[in-house]
Structures are given as C-alpha cells and as structure tokens.
N, C-alpha and C. Protein backbone atom coordinates (compact mmCIF):
# COMPACT_ATOMS: atom_id res chain seq x y z
N UNK A 1 -155.22 -39.11 -75.93
CA UNK A 1 -154.03 -38.42 -76.51
C UNK A 1 -153.58 -39.17 -77.73
N UNK A 2 -153.25 -38.44 -78.77
CA UNK A 2 -152.77 -39.01 -80.00
C UNK A 2 -151.31 -38.68 -80.25
N UNK A 3 -150.45 -39.66 -80.50
CA UNK A 3 -149.05 -39.48 -80.70
C UNK A 3 -148.75 -39.87 -82.13
N UNK A 4 -148.49 -38.87 -82.96
CA UNK A 4 -148.13 -39.13 -84.36
C UNK A 4 -146.70 -39.05 -84.59
N UNK A 5 -146.13 -40.18 -85.10
CA UNK A 5 -144.68 -40.27 -85.17
C UNK A 5 -144.27 -41.06 -86.42
N UNK A 6 -142.94 -41.07 -86.64
CA UNK A 6 -142.30 -41.88 -87.57
C UNK A 6 -141.44 -42.86 -86.77
N UNK A 7 -141.78 -44.15 -86.73
CA UNK A 7 -141.07 -45.10 -85.86
C UNK A 7 -139.52 -45.13 -85.95
N UNK A 8 -138.99 -44.76 -87.05
CA UNK A 8 -137.51 -44.82 -87.22
C UNK A 8 -136.86 -43.52 -86.78
N UNK A 9 -137.61 -42.53 -86.39
CA UNK A 9 -137.12 -41.25 -86.02
C UNK A 9 -136.69 -41.28 -84.54
N UNK A 10 -135.38 -40.86 -84.33
CA UNK A 10 -134.86 -40.93 -82.93
C UNK A 10 -135.57 -39.93 -82.03
N UNK A 11 -135.94 -38.77 -82.58
CA UNK A 11 -136.66 -37.74 -81.71
C UNK A 11 -138.03 -38.31 -81.35
N UNK A 12 -138.65 -38.95 -82.24
CA UNK A 12 -139.99 -39.58 -81.94
C UNK A 12 -139.83 -40.65 -80.91
N UNK A 13 -138.76 -41.40 -80.93
CA UNK A 13 -138.55 -42.46 -79.91
C UNK A 13 -138.38 -41.87 -78.54
N UNK A 14 -137.56 -40.73 -78.50
CA UNK A 14 -137.40 -40.07 -77.21
C UNK A 14 -138.69 -39.53 -76.66
N UNK A 15 -139.50 -38.93 -77.51
CA UNK A 15 -140.84 -38.42 -77.10
C UNK A 15 -141.68 -39.50 -76.61
N UNK A 16 -141.70 -40.62 -77.31
CA UNK A 16 -142.54 -41.78 -76.87
C UNK A 16 -142.11 -42.29 -75.53
N UNK A 17 -140.79 -42.38 -75.32
CA UNK A 17 -140.26 -42.88 -74.04
C UNK A 17 -140.66 -41.87 -72.95
N UNK A 18 -140.61 -40.56 -73.25
CA UNK A 18 -141.06 -39.57 -72.26
C UNK A 18 -142.50 -39.77 -71.85
N UNK A 19 -143.38 -39.96 -72.83
CA UNK A 19 -144.82 -40.12 -72.55
C UNK A 19 -145.06 -41.37 -71.73
N UNK A 20 -144.31 -42.47 -72.08
CA UNK A 20 -144.42 -43.74 -71.34
C UNK A 20 -143.99 -43.56 -69.89
N UNK A 21 -142.85 -42.85 -69.72
CA UNK A 21 -142.27 -42.68 -68.37
C UNK A 21 -143.25 -41.83 -67.48
N UNK A 22 -144.02 -40.98 -68.08
CA UNK A 22 -144.99 -40.18 -67.32
C UNK A 22 -146.28 -40.93 -67.07
N UNK A 23 -146.35 -42.14 -67.64
CA UNK A 23 -147.54 -42.94 -67.45
C UNK A 23 -148.75 -42.40 -68.21
N UNK A 24 -148.55 -41.70 -69.28
CA UNK A 24 -149.69 -41.15 -70.06
C UNK A 24 -150.23 -42.19 -71.04
N UNK A 25 -151.54 -42.21 -71.16
CA UNK A 25 -152.13 -43.08 -72.18
C UNK A 25 -152.23 -42.41 -73.49
N UNK A 26 -151.83 -43.06 -74.58
CA UNK A 26 -151.87 -42.45 -75.83
C UNK A 26 -151.93 -43.48 -76.91
N UNK A 27 -152.46 -43.09 -78.10
CA UNK A 27 -152.60 -43.91 -79.26
C UNK A 27 -151.42 -43.50 -80.21
N UNK A 28 -150.76 -44.48 -80.72
CA UNK A 28 -149.68 -44.18 -81.73
C UNK A 28 -150.26 -44.32 -83.13
N UNK A 29 -149.83 -43.33 -83.92
CA UNK A 29 -150.20 -43.36 -85.35
C UNK A 29 -148.92 -43.08 -86.18
N UNK A 30 -148.67 -43.93 -87.10
CA UNK A 30 -147.45 -43.88 -87.95
C UNK A 30 -147.70 -42.84 -89.07
N UNK A 31 -146.96 -41.75 -89.07
CA UNK A 31 -147.16 -40.65 -90.02
C UNK A 31 -146.86 -41.12 -91.48
N UNK A 32 -146.04 -42.14 -91.64
CA UNK A 32 -145.65 -42.60 -92.94
C UNK A 32 -146.79 -43.40 -93.61
N UNK A 33 -147.49 -44.19 -92.80
CA UNK A 33 -148.56 -45.06 -93.31
C UNK A 33 -149.92 -44.48 -93.14
N UNK A 34 -150.07 -43.57 -92.31
CA UNK A 34 -151.41 -42.93 -91.98
C UNK A 34 -151.21 -41.44 -91.91
N UNK A 35 -150.90 -40.79 -93.00
CA UNK A 35 -150.63 -39.35 -92.99
C UNK A 35 -151.86 -38.52 -92.57
N UNK A 36 -151.65 -37.47 -91.83
CA UNK A 36 -152.71 -36.58 -91.48
C UNK A 36 -153.36 -35.98 -92.67
N UNK A 37 -154.64 -35.80 -92.65
CA UNK A 37 -155.43 -35.14 -93.71
C UNK A 37 -155.26 -33.63 -93.63
N UNK A 38 -155.64 -32.93 -94.66
CA UNK A 38 -155.53 -31.49 -94.66
C UNK A 38 -156.53 -30.94 -93.57
N UNK A 39 -157.70 -31.56 -93.43
CA UNK A 39 -158.64 -31.12 -92.40
C UNK A 39 -158.11 -31.30 -90.96
N UNK A 40 -157.49 -32.48 -90.76
CA UNK A 40 -156.87 -32.74 -89.44
C UNK A 40 -155.77 -31.67 -89.17
N UNK A 41 -154.94 -31.47 -90.14
CA UNK A 41 -153.83 -30.47 -90.00
C UNK A 41 -154.34 -29.08 -89.80
N UNK A 42 -155.44 -28.75 -90.42
CA UNK A 42 -156.03 -27.40 -90.25
C UNK A 42 -156.50 -27.27 -88.83
N UNK A 43 -157.20 -28.27 -88.32
CA UNK A 43 -157.67 -28.25 -86.91
C UNK A 43 -156.51 -28.10 -85.95
N UNK A 44 -155.53 -28.98 -86.12
CA UNK A 44 -154.37 -28.95 -85.19
C UNK A 44 -153.57 -27.64 -85.26
N UNK A 45 -153.43 -27.11 -86.45
CA UNK A 45 -152.75 -25.87 -86.65
C UNK A 45 -153.52 -24.75 -85.86
N UNK A 46 -154.81 -24.75 -85.97
CA UNK A 46 -155.66 -23.75 -85.28
C UNK A 46 -155.51 -23.87 -83.74
N UNK A 47 -155.46 -25.13 -83.29
CA UNK A 47 -155.39 -25.41 -81.85
C UNK A 47 -153.98 -25.14 -81.27
N UNK A 48 -152.97 -25.19 -82.16
CA UNK A 48 -151.59 -25.05 -81.66
C UNK A 48 -151.19 -23.58 -81.31
N UNK A 49 -151.77 -22.64 -82.06
CA UNK A 49 -151.35 -21.30 -81.91
C UNK A 49 -149.96 -20.98 -82.51
N UNK A 50 -149.44 -21.93 -83.31
CA UNK A 50 -148.13 -21.81 -83.91
C UNK A 50 -148.25 -21.33 -85.36
N UNK A 51 -147.13 -20.81 -85.91
CA UNK A 51 -147.13 -20.46 -87.34
C UNK A 51 -147.22 -21.79 -88.15
N UNK A 52 -147.85 -21.76 -89.27
CA UNK A 52 -147.97 -22.99 -90.05
C UNK A 52 -146.66 -23.58 -90.44
N UNK A 53 -145.66 -22.73 -90.64
CA UNK A 53 -144.29 -23.29 -91.04
C UNK A 53 -143.78 -24.18 -89.99
N UNK A 54 -144.11 -24.12 -88.75
CA UNK A 54 -143.64 -25.00 -87.70
C UNK A 54 -144.13 -26.44 -87.92
N UNK A 55 -145.13 -26.62 -88.76
CA UNK A 55 -145.66 -27.94 -89.04
C UNK A 55 -144.83 -28.66 -90.13
N UNK A 56 -143.98 -27.92 -90.77
CA UNK A 56 -143.14 -28.47 -91.82
C UNK A 56 -141.83 -29.05 -91.29
N UNK A 57 -141.42 -30.22 -91.76
CA UNK A 57 -140.16 -30.85 -91.38
C UNK A 57 -139.09 -30.17 -92.24
N UNK A 58 -138.58 -29.02 -91.80
CA UNK A 58 -137.64 -28.23 -92.58
C UNK A 58 -136.29 -28.87 -92.77
N UNK A 59 -135.97 -29.88 -91.95
CA UNK A 59 -134.68 -30.55 -92.10
C UNK A 59 -134.82 -31.86 -92.93
N UNK A 60 -135.99 -32.13 -93.39
CA UNK A 60 -136.19 -33.38 -94.12
C UNK A 60 -135.78 -33.26 -95.59
N UNK A 61 -135.40 -34.42 -96.16
CA UNK A 61 -134.94 -34.45 -97.55
C UNK A 61 -136.03 -33.95 -98.51
N UNK A 62 -137.23 -34.37 -98.35
CA UNK A 62 -138.31 -33.99 -99.29
C UNK A 62 -138.52 -32.49 -99.26
N UNK A 63 -138.47 -31.88 -98.10
CA UNK A 63 -138.64 -30.43 -97.98
C UNK A 63 -137.58 -29.73 -98.80
N UNK A 64 -136.37 -30.20 -98.69
CA UNK A 64 -135.21 -29.60 -99.38
C UNK A 64 -135.33 -29.92 -100.92
N UNK A 65 -135.69 -31.17 -101.30
CA UNK A 65 -135.78 -31.46 -102.72
C UNK A 65 -136.86 -30.64 -103.44
N UNK A 66 -137.94 -30.32 -102.71
CA UNK A 66 -139.01 -29.56 -103.34
C UNK A 66 -138.73 -28.06 -103.31
N UNK A 67 -137.66 -27.62 -102.66
CA UNK A 67 -137.28 -26.22 -102.57
C UNK A 67 -138.29 -25.35 -101.81
N UNK A 68 -138.87 -26.00 -100.73
CA UNK A 68 -140.00 -25.38 -100.03
C UNK A 68 -139.64 -24.10 -99.29
N UNK A 69 -138.34 -23.94 -98.91
CA UNK A 69 -137.92 -22.78 -98.20
C UNK A 69 -138.27 -21.53 -99.03
N UNK A 70 -138.14 -21.57 -100.28
CA UNK A 70 -138.44 -20.43 -101.12
C UNK A 70 -139.87 -20.39 -101.61
N UNK A 71 -140.55 -21.55 -101.63
CA UNK A 71 -141.88 -21.64 -102.13
C UNK A 71 -142.99 -21.34 -101.14
N UNK A 72 -142.78 -21.72 -99.86
CA UNK A 72 -143.80 -21.59 -98.81
C UNK A 72 -144.33 -20.14 -98.70
N UNK A 73 -143.43 -19.14 -98.70
CA UNK A 73 -143.94 -17.76 -98.49
C UNK A 73 -144.95 -17.31 -99.60
N UNK A 74 -144.87 -17.96 -100.77
CA UNK A 74 -145.76 -17.54 -101.80
C UNK A 74 -147.05 -18.39 -101.94
N UNK A 75 -147.13 -19.40 -101.07
CA UNK A 75 -148.24 -20.36 -101.10
C UNK A 75 -149.27 -19.91 -100.09
N UNK A 76 -150.59 -20.19 -100.43
CA UNK A 76 -151.66 -19.85 -99.50
C UNK A 76 -151.69 -20.88 -98.39
N UNK A 77 -152.39 -20.63 -97.33
CA UNK A 77 -152.55 -21.49 -96.21
C UNK A 77 -153.13 -22.86 -96.69
N UNK A 78 -154.17 -22.83 -97.47
CA UNK A 78 -154.75 -24.04 -98.01
C UNK A 78 -153.81 -24.87 -98.82
N UNK A 79 -153.03 -24.16 -99.66
CA UNK A 79 -152.00 -24.92 -100.46
C UNK A 79 -150.94 -25.55 -99.59
N UNK A 80 -150.54 -24.87 -98.53
CA UNK A 80 -149.59 -25.45 -97.56
C UNK A 80 -150.15 -26.67 -96.89
N UNK A 81 -151.40 -26.59 -96.45
CA UNK A 81 -152.07 -27.68 -95.74
C UNK A 81 -152.19 -28.84 -96.67
N UNK A 82 -152.56 -28.64 -97.89
CA UNK A 82 -152.76 -29.72 -98.87
C UNK A 82 -151.37 -30.41 -99.17
N UNK A 83 -150.35 -29.61 -99.23
CA UNK A 83 -148.97 -30.11 -99.42
C UNK A 83 -148.56 -30.99 -98.24
N UNK A 84 -148.78 -30.51 -97.03
CA UNK A 84 -148.47 -31.31 -95.86
C UNK A 84 -149.24 -32.62 -95.83
N UNK A 85 -150.40 -32.57 -96.27
CA UNK A 85 -151.33 -33.78 -96.29
C UNK A 85 -150.87 -34.80 -97.41
N UNK A 86 -150.11 -34.30 -98.32
CA UNK A 86 -149.68 -35.16 -99.43
C UNK A 86 -148.62 -36.17 -99.12
N UNK A 87 -147.81 -35.89 -98.08
CA UNK A 87 -146.73 -36.80 -97.69
C UNK A 87 -146.34 -36.54 -96.26
N UNK A 88 -146.47 -37.64 -95.40
CA UNK A 88 -146.16 -37.52 -93.96
C UNK A 88 -144.73 -37.05 -93.74
N UNK A 89 -143.81 -37.34 -94.67
CA UNK A 89 -142.40 -36.92 -94.45
C UNK A 89 -142.18 -35.42 -94.51
N UNK A 90 -143.20 -34.67 -94.93
CA UNK A 90 -143.13 -33.27 -94.95
C UNK A 90 -143.53 -32.62 -93.58
N UNK A 91 -144.18 -33.45 -92.72
CA UNK A 91 -144.72 -32.97 -91.44
C UNK A 91 -143.67 -33.14 -90.37
N UNK A 92 -143.52 -32.07 -89.60
CA UNK A 92 -142.66 -32.09 -88.39
C UNK A 92 -143.19 -33.10 -87.44
N UNK A 93 -142.31 -33.88 -86.84
CA UNK A 93 -142.75 -34.88 -85.89
C UNK A 93 -141.88 -34.94 -84.74
N UNK A 94 -142.39 -35.51 -83.66
CA UNK A 94 -143.76 -36.03 -83.45
C UNK A 94 -144.77 -34.95 -83.27
N UNK A 95 -146.00 -35.33 -83.43
CA UNK A 95 -147.13 -34.45 -83.08
C UNK A 95 -147.86 -35.12 -81.90
N UNK A 96 -148.18 -34.30 -80.90
CA UNK A 96 -148.96 -34.87 -79.80
C UNK A 96 -150.25 -33.98 -79.75
N UNK A 97 -151.36 -34.70 -79.91
CA UNK A 97 -152.66 -34.01 -79.85
C UNK A 97 -153.28 -34.44 -78.51
N UNK A 98 -153.55 -33.44 -77.66
CA UNK A 98 -154.04 -33.74 -76.30
C UNK A 98 -155.19 -32.73 -76.01
N UNK A 99 -155.88 -33.02 -74.99
CA UNK A 99 -157.00 -32.17 -74.62
C UNK A 99 -156.40 -30.75 -74.21
N UNK A 100 -156.73 -29.81 -75.01
CA UNK A 100 -156.17 -28.44 -74.77
C UNK A 100 -155.13 -28.00 -75.66
N UNK A 101 -154.67 -28.83 -76.60
CA UNK A 101 -153.65 -28.36 -77.47
C UNK A 101 -152.93 -29.38 -78.35
N UNK A 102 -151.88 -28.90 -78.95
CA UNK A 102 -151.08 -29.65 -79.90
C UNK A 102 -149.58 -29.34 -79.65
N UNK A 103 -148.76 -30.35 -79.58
CA UNK A 103 -147.34 -30.13 -79.50
C UNK A 103 -146.68 -30.63 -80.77
N UNK A 104 -145.77 -29.81 -81.34
CA UNK A 104 -145.10 -30.11 -82.60
C UNK A 104 -143.62 -30.26 -82.30
N UNK A 105 -143.07 -31.41 -82.62
CA UNK A 105 -141.66 -31.71 -82.32
C UNK A 105 -141.57 -32.19 -80.88
N UNK A 106 -140.35 -32.37 -80.38
CA UNK A 106 -140.11 -32.75 -78.98
C UNK A 106 -139.13 -31.85 -78.29
N UNK A 107 -139.66 -31.11 -77.38
CA UNK A 107 -138.82 -30.29 -76.43
C UNK A 107 -139.29 -30.65 -75.04
N UNK A 108 -138.43 -31.22 -74.32
CA UNK A 108 -138.80 -31.79 -72.97
C UNK A 108 -139.44 -30.66 -72.11
N UNK A 109 -138.86 -29.46 -72.10
CA UNK A 109 -139.41 -28.36 -71.27
C UNK A 109 -140.88 -28.07 -71.62
N UNK A 110 -141.12 -28.12 -72.94
CA UNK A 110 -142.54 -27.81 -73.44
C UNK A 110 -143.44 -28.93 -73.00
N UNK A 111 -142.98 -30.20 -73.17
CA UNK A 111 -143.85 -31.31 -72.74
C UNK A 111 -144.06 -31.26 -71.19
N UNK A 112 -143.05 -30.88 -70.43
CA UNK A 112 -143.18 -30.76 -68.94
C UNK A 112 -144.28 -29.76 -68.63
N UNK A 113 -144.28 -28.65 -69.39
CA UNK A 113 -145.26 -27.58 -69.07
C UNK A 113 -146.66 -27.92 -69.53
N UNK A 114 -146.78 -28.56 -70.66
CA UNK A 114 -148.13 -28.76 -71.22
C UNK A 114 -148.80 -30.11 -70.84
N UNK A 115 -148.04 -31.13 -70.58
CA UNK A 115 -148.66 -32.44 -70.35
C UNK A 115 -148.69 -32.80 -68.87
C-alpha cells in the first residue's frame, strides 16, 4: 500500500494515524518532494472510478491562484493530468493506493469500507 501525503497537512496526519491504528503496512511518499507523474495519476484516476476533478486540491492556494475553477472545464484530460503532475500542491491529499483501488482524501467511513 502506498500512502501519498504532505507531512504538514493535518488531514494527512489523521489518515496516517488511522492506517497505523489498523495495523496496515504502507509506504509513505511526500507529495511535495516526490510529486506523482502524469502516468501514475492517469493509472490511479482510472482505478479510482472518480471524476478527475476529485484529484485536484480545490481548497489549495495554488488552485485558487491559477484560477482553475474556471479553467478546468475547458482543459483536456491530458492537460489536467500534466497540470497535476507539475506541482504536488495541486493534488488532493492524501492518496492511498491499495490492491483494488485508490482513495482520494480522508473520509473515515470510506477507509472503513475499502481497507
């Protein structure tokens, strides 16, 4: 299992504590220093079954500074994936990549159901 997070993010800390409390083995990857590639994001997006917009950190400063709320609807899927791959702070976190799927963000009920 791969846990992609930003160590200073309180939601990421809660998710990591949850995984540890369940005794799950996982590898931690810092999204700021080791940003996902467009190919990784494409694979995870396909496995998640979620809309691509869910992979964007819509509450982040960079998302707002770039005016992505208005730009995303006019961008192709490839353009969006390349943009996500350009800066880890654009990506919703944490990401949990596990056998059978991908979790985006931290919702305890969803983690309970899937992990």
